[in-house]
């Protein structure tokens, strides 16, 4: 279950029934003496969903008896994962976020939950079934969200992602799509699977045939989404869909790879005995952290492991640092840590056409969004922490082949560099001293000046930044110390408050399309840092 899902703990059914009296009639007493519902009772399931939506989100919904009853905790997992993806984009909390729910159902639960959880989210909710569409419209209006949720009727012959095909060139693109596709390929498949199940299901499944059946099943449905997305490209930042079978995940990832889509994500949603998966893909250059794009707990022997996307978070550990016993003393640890930070900064300063900004200092949560910071020549590590550094590379100057090519590239002084014209909305700070990126002639565009004094968050729409070949972060991380490893301090007290010496460099790919470029940069920096370590420990 998602770490932020409020239903990780058991639901207090008595308290919930007090807030939503219609649930009281469906409570039963378990052997433990606690109250719950019979999850095999269709009516009880509907009252539970209504109660949760009303009590926890202030939503009033009608769930028709002949349509699917969505369990809120499971749907929350999907919404929270989408929220993680959106939050990976700098500045997303300060602008309108647009999503498309494919097959919203009678409940319209995804748009309703999404709008309640994020005040800047807006939805287009599509539905092919007339009865479900009508009820979705009513539920949206009942909750006075028609200004943020637009229900649109889909057709059997039209594309699945038709709202995107209907966009004009000047329309704003969407941030995400989400979908819970029809699970089965035919009615016969439903009957066959029911016969094969040795144990009865722990919960009842209801729904109309249009909600549960699609020719070819969920794989065929998502395959069509992928094919349509190839034509649509960046009209949507992230296309996503839930999947009900592990085998479907493997097939869908195979489809993505066959279409040369390399920027994708795979996750899983676990709720009780129910396990679901979701796959997302993008034609953009923003790379998600592994915590969002990969299932972290899977062992390499798992059948899904080879189908996970390549890692965007890479680490290099230096054993000589990890074995430094004297670093357990807090004062020594801080001193050596600052020296390590200086080594890293010195290495980055030496790389031509690279700019780096320091992330938030002490206690700030590490993220892929750099903060406003001074330019690299003026960065110094803070007194007690080892801040993350965000690196922006205008072109490859570190590889062996790049160094060879450099011999034939003429040097330009900043005064003679031509500048690229920007739109009126882009402000250039020409009073800043020329630095790495400002002096660099890129290999893919006309050479241009750019201010790197602003954070990536503020430069989200800057055409220079969004077309940089590589944006990544790098920083020292410390091993987790245990009480067993505690070393007495100079005054004899426990050194639990001491900070272990950072022994690992962590690289997070933030932006770019060339994975080999990111990996080569990581290799170059780790080699240079490793070579400088003996001198730094004197």
Protein backbone atom coordinates (compact mmCIF):
# COMPACT_ATOMS: atom_id res chain seq x y z
CA UNK A 1 0.00 0.00 0.00
CA UNK A 2 1.18 3.54 -0.71
CA UNK A 3 3.03 5.09 2.22
CA UNK A 4 0.61 8.04 2.34
CA UNK A 5 -2.55 5.95 2.09
CA UNK A 6 -4.60 6.74 5.22
CA UNK A 7 -6.15 3.27 5.10
CA UNK A 8 -2.96 1.42 5.95
CA UNK A 9 -4.45 0.99 9.41
CA UNK A 10 -7.70 -0.86 10.04
CA UNK A 11 -10.91 1.08 9.50
CA UNK A 12 -12.94 1.86 12.61
CA UNK A 13 -16.29 0.68 11.30
CA UNK A 14 -18.24 1.82 14.36
CA UNK A 15 -16.90 5.34 14.10
CA UNK A 16 -17.56 5.34 10.36
CA UNK A 17 -21.14 4.17 10.87
CA UNK A 18 -21.69 6.96 13.37
CA UNK A 19 -20.73 9.47 10.70
CA UNK A 20 -22.76 7.66 8.02
CA UNK A 21 -25.79 5.95 9.63
CA UNK A 22 -26.73 3.99 6.49
CA UNK A 23 -23.73 1.75 7.20
CA UNK A 24 -24.92 0.71 10.69
CA UNK A 25 -27.36 -1.93 9.45
CA UNK A 26 -24.48 -3.78 7.73
CA UNK A 27 -22.10 -4.04 10.68
CA UNK A 28 -21.46 -7.42 12.23
CA UNK A 29 -19.45 -8.47 15.27
CA UNK A 30 -16.32 -10.51 14.66
CA UNK A 31 -14.87 -13.15 16.99
CA UNK A 32 -12.45 -10.51 18.28
CA UNK A 33 -15.38 -8.38 19.37
CA UNK A 34 -14.70 -5.64 16.81
CA UNK A 35 -17.19 -4.49 14.19
CA UNK A 36 -16.82 -4.96 10.42
CA UNK A 37 -18.91 -5.65 7.34
CA UNK A 38 -19.37 -8.76 5.24
CA UNK A 39 -17.19 -7.98 2.23
CA UNK A 40 -19.06 -10.58 0.21
CA UNK A 41 -22.25 -8.57 0.67
CA UNK A 42 -22.70 -6.29 -2.36
CA UNK A 43 -24.97 -3.82 -0.57
CA UNK A 44 -22.65 -3.61 2.44
CA UNK A 45 -19.73 -2.87 0.10
CA UNK A 46 -21.62 0.02 -1.48
CA UNK A 47 -22.58 1.48 1.88
CA UNK A 48 -18.92 1.24 2.98
CA UNK A 49 -17.67 3.10 -0.10
CA UNK A 50 -20.35 5.76 0.33
CA UNK A 51 -19.47 6.10 4.03
CA UNK A 52 -15.74 6.54 3.42
CA UNK A 53 -16.27 9.09 0.67
CA UNK A 54 -18.74 11.02 2.83
CA UNK A 55 -16.88 10.86 6.14
CA UNK A 56 -13.31 11.33 4.93
CA UNK A 57 -13.77 13.49 1.82
CA UNK A 58 -17.16 15.17 2.17
CA UNK A 59 -18.36 13.51 -1.04
CA UNK A 60 -21.93 12.40 -1.66
CA UNK A 61 -22.21 9.71 -4.32
CA UNK A 62 -24.81 7.31 -5.63
CA UNK A 63 -23.51 3.88 -6.61
CA UNK A 64 -25.96 2.00 -8.89
CA UNK A 65 -26.50 -1.65 -7.96
CA UNK A 66 -25.65 -2.89 -11.46
CA UNK A 67 -22.35 -1.03 -11.80
CA UNK A 68 -18.91 -1.48 -10.25
CA UNK A 69 -18.46 -0.46 -6.62
CA UNK A 70 -14.92 0.93 -6.33
CA UNK A 71 -13.07 0.25 -3.05
CA UNK A 72 -11.69 3.58 -1.85
CA UNK A 73 -8.37 2.36 -0.34
CA UNK A 74 -7.36 0.69 -3.61
CA UNK A 75 -8.31 3.74 -5.68
CA UNK A 76 -6.35 5.94 -3.29
CA UNK A 77 -3.17 4.00 -4.09
CA UNK A 78 -3.48 4.93 -7.76
CA UNK A 79 -4.27 8.59 -7.06
CA UNK A 80 -1.30 8.90 -4.70
CA UNK A 81 1.07 7.38 -7.27
CA UNK A 82 -0.16 9.86 -9.88
CA UNK A 83 0.38 12.61 -7.32
CA UNK A 84 3.98 11.44 -6.88
CA UNK A 85 4.55 11.62 -10.63
CA UNK A 86 3.10 15.13 -10.86
CA UNK A 87 5.09 16.35 -7.86
CA UNK A 88 8.28 15.27 -9.61
CA UNK A 89 7.73 18.17 -12.01
CA UNK A 90 9.05 21.48 -10.66
CA UNK A 91 6.35 24.04 -9.90
CA UNK A 92 3.42 21.64 -10.31
CA UNK A 93 1.86 22.75 -7.03
CA UNK A 94 1.62 26.33 -8.27
CA UNK A 95 -0.23 25.70 -11.53
CA UNK A 96 -3.32 23.94 -12.83
CA UNK A 97 -2.81 20.19 -13.28
CA UNK A 98 -4.94 18.49 -15.92
CA UNK A 99 -5.79 14.79 -15.98
CA UNK A 100 -7.95 12.47 -18.07
CA UNK A 101 -9.78 9.56 -16.45
CA UNK A 102 -10.50 6.95 -19.12
CA UNK A 103 -13.72 5.11 -18.27
CA UNK A 104 -14.66 7.05 -15.17
CA UNK A 105 -17.59 4.77 -14.33
CA UNK A 106 -20.82 5.68 -12.58
CA UNK A 107 -19.00 6.80 -9.45
CA UNK A 108 -16.45 9.09 -11.15
CA UNK A 109 -14.34 8.18 -8.14
CA UNK A 110 -10.90 9.09 -9.53
CA UNK A 111 -11.80 12.66 -10.52
CA UNK A 112 -13.76 13.19 -7.30
CA UNK A 113 -10.91 11.94 -5.11
CA UNK A 114 -8.28 13.75 -7.14
CA UNK A 115 -10.05 17.10 -6.87
CA UNK A 116 -10.59 16.66 -3.14
CA UNK A 117 -6.94 15.80 -2.55
CA UNK A 118 -5.43 18.52 -4.76
CA UNK A 119 -7.13 21.89 -5.18
CA UNK A 120 -5.29 22.62 -8.44
CA UNK A 121 -6.31 19.41 -10.23
CA UNK A 122 -8.85 19.41 -13.06
CA UNK A 123 -10.22 16.40 -14.94
CA UNK A 124 -11.83 15.28 -18.15
CA UNK A 125 -13.75 12.09 -17.33
CA UNK A 126 -14.70 9.88 -20.28
CA UNK A 127 -17.33 7.14 -20.21
CA UNK A 128 -18.71 4.91 -22.97
CA UNK A 129 -21.69 3.43 -21.08
CA UNK A 130 -24.76 5.69 -21.16
CA UNK A 131 -26.08 4.74 -17.73
CA UNK A 132 -22.69 5.15 -16.07
CA UNK A 133 -22.14 8.46 -17.86
CA UNK A 134 -25.45 9.84 -16.64
CA UNK A 135 -24.77 8.85 -13.03
CA UNK A 136 -21.23 10.23 -13.19
CA UNK A 137 -22.63 13.60 -14.30
CA UNK A 138 -25.04 13.55 -11.35
CA UNK A 139 -22.30 12.68 -8.84
CA UNK A 140 -20.09 15.48 -10.18
CA UNK A 141 -22.91 18.03 -9.98
CA UNK A 142 -24.03 16.86 -6.54
CA UNK A 143 -20.57 17.66 -5.22
CA UNK A 144 -20.42 21.00 -7.07
CA UNK A 145 -17.28 20.05 -8.99
CA UNK A 146 -18.56 20.58 -12.53
CA UNK A 147 -16.20 23.56 -12.89
CA UNK A 148 -13.23 21.20 -12.37
CA UNK A 149 -14.52 17.90 -13.78
CA UNK A 150 -15.89 17.68 -17.31
CA UNK A 151 -17.67 14.41 -18.10
CA UNK A 152 -17.64 13.54 -21.80
CA UNK A 153 -19.31 10.67 -23.61
CA UNK A 154 -17.07 8.25 -25.46
CA UNK A 155 -18.06 6.23 -28.53
CA UNK A 156 -17.36 2.62 -29.44
CA UNK A 157 -15.73 3.57 -32.74
CA UNK A 158 -13.66 6.51 -31.57
CA UNK A 159 -10.14 6.47 -30.08
CA UNK A 160 -9.71 5.79 -26.37
CA UNK A 161 -7.70 8.98 -25.88
CA UNK A 162 -10.06 11.11 -27.95
CA UNK A 163 -9.85 14.20 -25.65
CA UNK A 164 -6.18 14.48 -26.61
CA UNK A 165 -6.88 14.08 -30.32
CA UNK A 166 -9.40 16.90 -30.00
CA UNK A 167 -6.79 19.33 -28.69
CA UNK A 168 -5.88 22.32 -30.84
CA UNK A 169 -2.24 23.29 -31.28
CA UNK A 170 -2.67 26.20 -28.88
CA UNK A 171 -4.41 24.15 -26.18
CA UNK A 172 -2.54 23.32 -22.98
CA UNK A 173 -1.40 19.71 -22.86
CA UNK A 174 -2.50 17.35 -20.09
CA UNK A 175 -0.34 16.10 -17.27
CA UNK A 176 -1.61 12.54 -16.99
CA UNK A 177 -4.13 9.95 -18.01
CA UNK A 178 -5.40 7.23 -15.71
CA UNK A 179 -7.46 4.18 -16.47
CA UNK A 180 -8.87 1.01 -14.92
CA UNK A 181 -9.44 -0.94 -18.14
CA UNK A 182 -11.88 -3.81 -18.66
CA UNK A 183 -10.25 -6.87 -17.12
CA UNK A 184 -11.66 -9.75 -19.18
CA UNK A 185 -11.60 -10.63 -22.86
CA UNK A 186 -15.02 -12.34 -22.91
CA UNK A 187 -17.89 -13.64 -20.78
CA UNK A 188 -16.54 -17.14 -21.32
CA UNK A 189 -13.24 -16.13 -19.74
CA UNK A 190 -15.08 -14.87 -16.66
CA UNK A 191 -16.87 -18.18 -16.29
CA UNK A 192 -13.71 -20.24 -16.87
CA UNK A 193 -11.71 -18.30 -14.29
CA UNK A 194 -14.52 -18.62 -11.75
CA UNK A 195 -14.44 -22.41 -12.12
CA UNK A 196 -10.65 -22.57 -11.73
CA UNK A 197 -10.62 -20.69 -8.42
CA UNK A 198 -10.18 -23.14 -5.55
CA UNK A 199 -11.27 -20.68 -2.88
CA UNK A 200 -14.18 -18.30 -2.93
CA UNK A 201 -13.22 -14.63 -3.37
CA UNK A 202 -12.91 -12.60 -0.18
CA UNK A 203 -15.02 -9.80 -1.65
CA UNK A 204 -17.89 -9.58 -4.08
CA UNK A 205 -17.30 -8.29 -7.62
CA UNK A 206 -20.10 -6.39 -9.33
CA UNK A 207 -20.28 -4.52 -12.59
CA UNK A 208 -21.79 -4.29 -16.03
CA UNK A 209 -20.30 -6.25 -18.92
CA UNK A 210 -19.12 -3.02 -20.56
CA UNK A 211 -17.02 -2.34 -17.47
CA UNK A 212 -15.47 -5.81 -17.29
CA UNK A 213 -15.13 -7.04 -20.88
CA UNK A 214 -13.10 -5.77 -23.85
CA UNK A 215 -12.06 -7.85 -26.87
CA UNK A 216 -8.57 -9.04 -26.03
CA UNK A 217 -8.88 -7.99 -22.38
CA UNK A 218 -6.89 -5.34 -20.54
CA UNK A 219 -3.72 -5.93 -22.57
CA UNK A 220 -5.49 -5.18 -25.85
CA UNK A 221 -7.07 -2.07 -24.31
CA UNK A 222 -3.77 -0.68 -23.05
CA UNK A 223 -2.01 -1.66 -26.28
CA UNK A 224 -4.44 0.58 -28.13
CA UNK A 225 -3.70 3.35 -25.64
CA UNK A 226 0.02 2.95 -26.32
CA UNK A 227 -0.46 3.04 -30.08
CA UNK A 228 -2.61 6.16 -29.81
CA UNK A 229 -0.10 7.81 -27.48
CA UNK A 230 2.67 7.31 -30.04
CA UNK A 231 0.68 9.54 -32.40
CA UNK A 232 -0.14 12.06 -29.65
CA UNK A 233 3.36 12.33 -28.17
CA UNK A 234 3.76 15.07 -25.59
CA UNK A 235 0.13 16.18 -25.67
CA UNK A 236 0.16 14.37 -22.34
CA UNK A 237 3.15 14.16 -20.01
CA UNK A 238 2.39 10.73 -18.55
CA UNK A 239 0.04 8.09 -19.88
CA UNK A 240 -0.87 5.52 -17.23
CA UNK A 241 -3.15 2.55 -16.70
CA UNK A 242 -3.89 0.08 -13.94
CA UNK A 243 -3.58 -3.64 -14.67
CA UNK A 244 -5.13 -6.57 -12.86
CA UNK A 245 -2.70 -9.35 -13.82
CA UNK A 246 1.04 -9.68 -13.50
CA UNK A 247 1.17 -11.32 -16.92
CA UNK A 248 -0.51 -8.23 -18.37
CA UNK A 249 2.26 -6.03 -16.97
CA UNK A 250 4.89 -8.11 -18.73
CA UNK A 251 3.00 -7.89 -22.03
CA UNK A 252 2.39 -4.14 -21.78
CA UNK A 253 6.05 -3.44 -20.98
CA UNK A 254 6.90 -5.56 -24.03
CA UNK A 255 4.63 -3.33 -26.10
CA UNK A 256 6.36 -0.20 -24.77
CA UNK A 257 9.78 -1.56 -25.57
CA UNK A 258 8.67 -2.63 -29.03
CA UNK A 259 7.54 0.98 -29.64
CA UNK A 260 10.98 2.24 -28.46
CA UNK A 261 9.44 3.93 -25.41
CA UNK A 262 12.23 3.92 -22.84
CA UNK A 263 10.86 6.40 -20.29
CA UNK A 264 8.34 4.34 -18.36
CA UNK A 265 7.38 3.35 -14.81
CA UNK A 266 5.96 0.27 -13.11
CA UNK A 267 4.38 0.12 -9.66
CA UNK A 268 2.07 -2.13 -7.65
CA UNK A 269 -0.91 -1.49 -5.39
CA UNK A 270 -1.58 -3.90 -2.53
CA UNK A 271 -4.78 -3.74 -0.52
CA UNK A 272 -5.44 -6.72 1.73
CA UNK A 273 -5.47 -9.80 -0.48
CA UNK A 274 -5.85 -7.75 -3.65
CA UNK A 275 -2.80 -6.91 -5.73
CA UNK A 276 -2.89 -4.62 -8.74
CA UNK A 277 -0.21 -3.00 -10.89
CA UNK A 278 0.11 0.19 -12.89
CA UNK A 279 2.27 1.12 -15.85
CA UNK A 280 3.05 4.65 -16.99
CA UNK A 281 5.00 5.97 -19.97
CA UNK A 282 6.15 9.34 -21.21
CA UNK A 283 7.62 10.92 -24.33
CA UNK A 284 9.15 13.72 -22.26
CA UNK A 285 12.69 13.94 -20.90
CA UNK A 286 11.94 14.20 -17.17
CA UNK A 287 13.09 11.07 -15.36
CA UNK A 288 11.30 9.81 -12.28
CA UNK A 289 13.17 8.67 -9.16
CA UNK A 290 13.37 4.91 -8.69
CA UNK A 291 11.04 5.23 -5.69
CA UNK A 292 8.26 6.18 -8.15
CA UNK A 293 9.22 4.30 -11.31
CA UNK A 294 10.33 0.94 -9.90
CA UNK A 295 9.06 -1.62 -7.37
CA UNK A 296 11.90 -1.50 -4.85
CA UNK A 297 11.33 -4.75 -2.95
CA UNK A 298 11.38 -7.13 -5.94
CA UNK A 299 14.28 -9.62 -5.90
CA UNK A 300 16.18 -10.13 -9.19
CA UNK A 301 14.71 -13.63 -9.47
CA UNK A 302 11.14 -12.29 -9.65
CA UNK A 303 9.50 -12.63 -13.07
CA UNK A 304 8.70 -8.91 -13.15
CA UNK A 305 12.22 -7.73 -12.30
CA UNK A 306 13.64 -7.85 -15.87
CA UNK A 307 10.67 -5.78 -17.04
CA UNK A 308 11.23 -2.90 -14.64
CA UNK A 309 12.65 0.29 -16.19
CA UNK A 310 16.41 0.88 -15.86
CA UNK A 311 17.45 2.62 -12.66
CA UNK A 312 17.51 6.42 -12.63
CA UNK A 313 19.14 6.46 -9.19
CA UNK A 314 22.74 5.19 -9.20
CA UNK A 315 25.16 4.90 -6.30
CA UNK A 316 28.91 4.49 -5.88
CA UNK A 317 30.25 3.44 -2.49
CA UNK A 318 33.82 4.06 -1.41
CA UNK A 319 34.84 1.26 1.01
CA UNK A 320 37.77 3.26 2.31
CA UNK A 321 35.31 5.81 3.67
CA UNK A 322 32.82 3.29 5.02
CA UNK A 323 35.59 1.67 7.08
CA UNK A 324 36.80 4.92 8.64
CA UNK A 325 36.26 4.08 12.33
CA UNK A 326 37.28 7.46 13.71
CA UNK A 327 34.50 9.16 11.70
CA UNK A 328 31.99 8.00 14.32
CA UNK A 329 32.98 10.97 16.46
CA UNK A 330 30.50 13.69 15.49
CA UNK A 331 33.09 16.46 15.27
CA UNK A 332 35.46 14.42 13.09
CA UNK A 333 32.56 13.25 10.94
CA UNK A 334 31.46 16.81 10.19
CA UNK A 335 35.01 17.89 9.43
CA UNK A 336 35.71 15.01 7.05
CA UNK A 337 32.25 15.36 5.55
CA UNK A 338 32.94 18.98 4.65
CA UNK A 339 36.21 17.92 3.05
CA UNK A 340 34.37 15.30 0.99
CA UNK A 341 31.89 17.94 -0.15
CA UNK A 342 34.77 20.16 -1.22
CA UNK A 343 36.30 17.27 -3.17
CA UNK A 344 33.00 16.77 -5.00
CA UNK A 345 32.66 20.49 -5.75
CA UNK A 346 36.24 20.69 -7.00
CA UNK A 347 35.60 17.79 -9.39
CA UNK A 348 32.44 19.42 -10.73
CA UNK A 349 34.20 22.78 -11.16
CA UNK A 350 36.75 21.16 -13.43
CA UNK A 351 34.15 19.91 -15.92
CA UNK A 352 33.63 22.35 -18.76
CA UNK A 353 30.06 23.33 -19.68
CA UNK A 354 28.66 22.11 -16.37
CA UNK A 355 26.80 24.23 -13.83
CA UNK A 356 25.74 23.11 -10.35
CA UNK A 357 23.44 24.47 -7.68
CA UNK A 358 23.25 23.51 -4.04
CA UNK A 359 19.98 22.05 -2.76
CA UNK A 360 18.20 23.04 0.49
CA UNK A 361 20.45 22.84 3.56
CA UNK A 362 20.00 21.25 6.97
CA UNK A 363 16.93 19.13 7.53
CA UNK A 364 15.39 19.80 4.14
CA UNK A 365 13.87 16.78 2.44
CA UNK A 366 15.89 15.59 -0.51
CA UNK A 367 14.06 15.92 -3.82
CA UNK A 368 14.72 16.28 -7.52
CA UNK A 369 13.94 20.00 -7.36
CA UNK A 370 16.99 22.20 -6.74
CA UNK A 371 16.62 25.33 -4.69
CA UNK A 372 17.81 28.81 -5.54
CA UNK A 373 21.53 28.90 -4.88
CA UNK A 374 24.67 30.75 -5.82
CA UNK A 375 26.55 29.71 -8.91
CA UNK A 376 29.06 26.88 -8.61
CA UNK A 377 32.23 28.94 -7.99
CA UNK A 378 30.59 30.41 -4.88
CA UNK A 379 29.05 27.24 -3.46
CA UNK A 380 30.42 26.13 -0.14
CA UNK A 381 28.96 23.30 1.91
CA UNK A 382 26.97 24.35 4.97
CA UNK A 383 28.45 23.87 8.43
CA UNK A 384 26.66 20.71 9.53
CA UNK A 385 25.21 19.11 6.41
CA UNK A 386 26.29 17.80 3.02
CA UNK A 387 23.78 19.35 0.61
CA UNK A 388 22.61 17.76 -2.60
CA UNK A 389 23.97 19.39 -5.75
CA UNK A 390 21.95 19.70 -8.96
CA UNK A 391 24.08 19.55 -12.09
CA UNK A 392 23.15 20.99 -15.49
CA UNK A 393 25.33 19.96 -18.42
CA UNK A 394 25.08 21.83 -21.71
CA UNK A 395 27.00 19.17 -23.61
CA UNK A 396 29.28 16.19 -23.12
CA UNK A 397 32.77 17.47 -22.35
CA UNK A 398 33.95 14.69 -20.03
CA UNK A 399 34.08 11.55 -22.16
CA UNK A 400 37.25 10.46 -23.92
CA UNK A 401 35.72 11.07 -27.35
CA UNK A 402 34.54 14.53 -26.28
CA UNK A 403 38.04 15.45 -25.14
CA UNK A 404 39.41 14.36 -28.49
CA UNK A 405 36.89 16.46 -30.36
CA UNK A 406 37.68 19.46 -28.18
CA UNK A 407 41.06 19.81 -29.84
CA UNK A 408 39.34 20.86 -33.06
CA UNK A 409 36.73 23.16 -31.43
CA UNK A 410 37.64 26.87 -31.40
CA UNK A 411 37.35 28.68 -28.07
CA UNK A 412 35.04 31.68 -27.86
CA UNK A 413 35.15 34.43 -25.31
CA UNK A 414 31.84 35.37 -23.68
CA UNK A 415 31.86 38.72 -25.47
CA UNK A 416 31.79 37.08 -28.90
CA UNK A 417 29.19 34.42 -28.21
CA UNK A 418 25.99 34.79 -30.25
CA UNK A 419 22.79 34.75 -28.22
CA UNK A 420 19.57 32.87 -28.88
CA UNK A 421 16.44 35.00 -28.91
CA UNK A 422 13.92 34.23 -26.17
CA UNK A 423 10.23 35.04 -25.90
CA UNK A 424 9.15 38.14 -24.02
CA UNK A 425 8.25 36.01 -21.01
CA UNK A 426 11.87 34.89 -20.54
CA UNK A 427 14.05 37.21 -18.47
CA UNK A 428 17.80 37.07 -18.97
CA UNK A 429 20.15 38.40 -16.31
CA UNK A 430 23.00 39.82 -18.36
CA UNK A 431 24.70 41.36 -15.30
CA UNK A 432 25.85 37.98 -14.00
CA UNK A 433 29.47 36.92 -14.51
CA UNK A 434 30.00 34.40 -17.28
CA UNK A 435 30.09 30.84 -15.94
CA UNK A 436 30.25 27.28 -17.23
CA UNK A 437 26.97 27.10 -19.11
CA UNK A 438 27.19 30.70 -20.27
CA UNK A 439 30.53 30.08 -21.95
CA UNK A 440 29.54 26.75 -23.42
CA UNK A 441 28.73 26.17 -27.06
CA UNK A 442 26.15 23.38 -27.19
CA UNK A 443 26.32 20.68 -29.81
CA UNK A 444 22.57 20.66 -30.55
CA UNK A 445 21.65 24.35 -30.71
CA UNK A 446 23.06 27.72 -31.61
CA UNK A 447 25.27 28.89 -28.77
CA UNK A 448 23.35 31.00 -26.28
CA UNK A 449 23.73 32.79 -22.96
CA UNK A 450 21.64 31.65 -20.03
CA UNK A 451 21.40 32.68 -16.40
CA UNK A 452 21.93 29.74 -14.07
CA UNK A 453 21.36 31.85 -10.97
CA UNK A 454 17.71 30.76 -10.85
CA UNK A 455 16.55 27.34 -9.68
CA UNK A 456 15.17 24.70 -12.03
CA UNK A 457 11.78 25.24 -10.35
CA UNK A 458 11.68 28.77 -11.80
CA UNK A 459 13.14 27.69 -15.12
CA UNK A 460 10.55 24.97 -15.84
CA UNK A 461 9.46 26.66 -19.05
CA UNK A 462 12.90 27.95 -20.04
CA UNK A 463 13.64 26.46 -23.47
CA UNK A 464 17.34 26.30 -22.63
CA UNK A 465 16.85 24.20 -19.51
CA UNK A 466 14.25 21.84 -20.93
CA UNK A 467 16.58 21.02 -23.83
CA UNK A 468 19.76 20.54 -21.80
CA UNK A 469 21.28 17.16 -22.66
CA UNK A 470 21.64 16.29 -18.97
CA UNK A 471 20.27 17.45 -15.63
CA UNK A 472 21.02 15.31 -12.61
CA UNK A 473 21.67 15.57 -8.89
CA UNK A 474 24.62 14.23 -6.93
CA UNK A 475 25.26 14.12 -3.22
CA UNK A 476 26.90 12.24 -0.40
CA UNK A 477 24.71 9.90 1.62
CA UNK A 478 25.60 8.31 4.94
CA UNK A 479 25.11 4.70 6.00
CA UNK A 480 22.44 4.05 8.62
CA UNK A 481 24.16 3.64 11.97
CA UNK A 482 22.90 1.22 14.60
CA UNK A 483 23.30 1.22 18.37
CA UNK A 484 25.57 -1.80 18.04
CA UNK A 485 28.05 0.31 16.12
CA UNK A 486 27.92 3.22 18.55
CA UNK A 487 31.36 4.46 19.63
CA UNK A 488 31.83 6.26 22.95
CA UNK A 489 32.26 10.00 22.59
CA UNK A 490 35.23 11.84 24.14
CA UNK A 491 33.21 12.47 27.31
CA UNK A 492 32.23 8.79 27.57
CA UNK A 493 28.66 9.29 26.40
CA UNK A 494 27.06 7.31 23.60
CA UNK A 495 27.77 8.62 20.10
CA UNK A 496 24.21 8.01 18.91
CA UNK A 497 23.90 11.70 18.06
CA UNK A 498 27.00 11.54 15.86
CA UNK A 499 26.73 11.58 12.10
CA UNK A 500 28.44 8.71 10.23
CA UNK A 501 30.86 9.74 7.55
CA UNK A 502 29.18 9.77 4.12
CA UNK A 503 30.63 6.92 2.09
CA UNK A 504 28.36 6.78 -0.95
CA UNK A 505 27.76 9.17 -3.83
CA UNK A 506 24.16 9.08 -5.07
CA UNK A 507 23.31 10.26 -8.58
CA UNK A 508 19.70 10.96 -9.58
CA UNK A 509 18.91 11.42 -13.28
CA UNK A 510 16.46 14.30 -13.47
CA UNK A 511 16.27 15.24 -17.13
CA UNK A 512 17.58 14.02 -20.46
CA UNK A 513 17.03 11.46 -23.20
CA UNK A 514 20.48 9.82 -23.35
CA UNK A 515 20.95 7.28 -20.57
CA UNK A 516 24.50 6.57 -21.67
CA UNK A 517 25.33 10.26 -21.15
CA UNK A 518 24.05 10.14 -17.57
CA UNK A 519 25.91 6.94 -16.81
CA UNK A 520 29.14 8.23 -18.35
CA UNK A 521 28.90 11.43 -16.31
CA UNK A 522 28.40 9.39 -13.16
CA UNK A 523 31.40 7.23 -14.07
CA UNK A 524 33.60 10.25 -14.75
CA UNK A 525 32.71 12.00 -11.48
CA UNK A 526 33.08 8.87 -9.33
CA UNK A 527 36.50 8.13 -10.81
CA UNK A 528 37.70 11.69 -10.24
CA UNK A 529 36.34 11.74 -6.69
CA UNK A 530 37.89 8.35 -5.96
CA UNK A 531 41.27 9.54 -7.21
CA UNK A 532 41.06 12.62 -4.96
CA UNK A 533 40.03 10.76 -1.79
CA UNK A 534 43.50 9.80 -0.51
CA UNK A 535 44.56 13.45 -0.50
CA UNK A 536 41.32 14.54 1.15
CA UNK A 537 41.81 12.29 4.17
CA UNK A 538 45.22 13.64 5.13
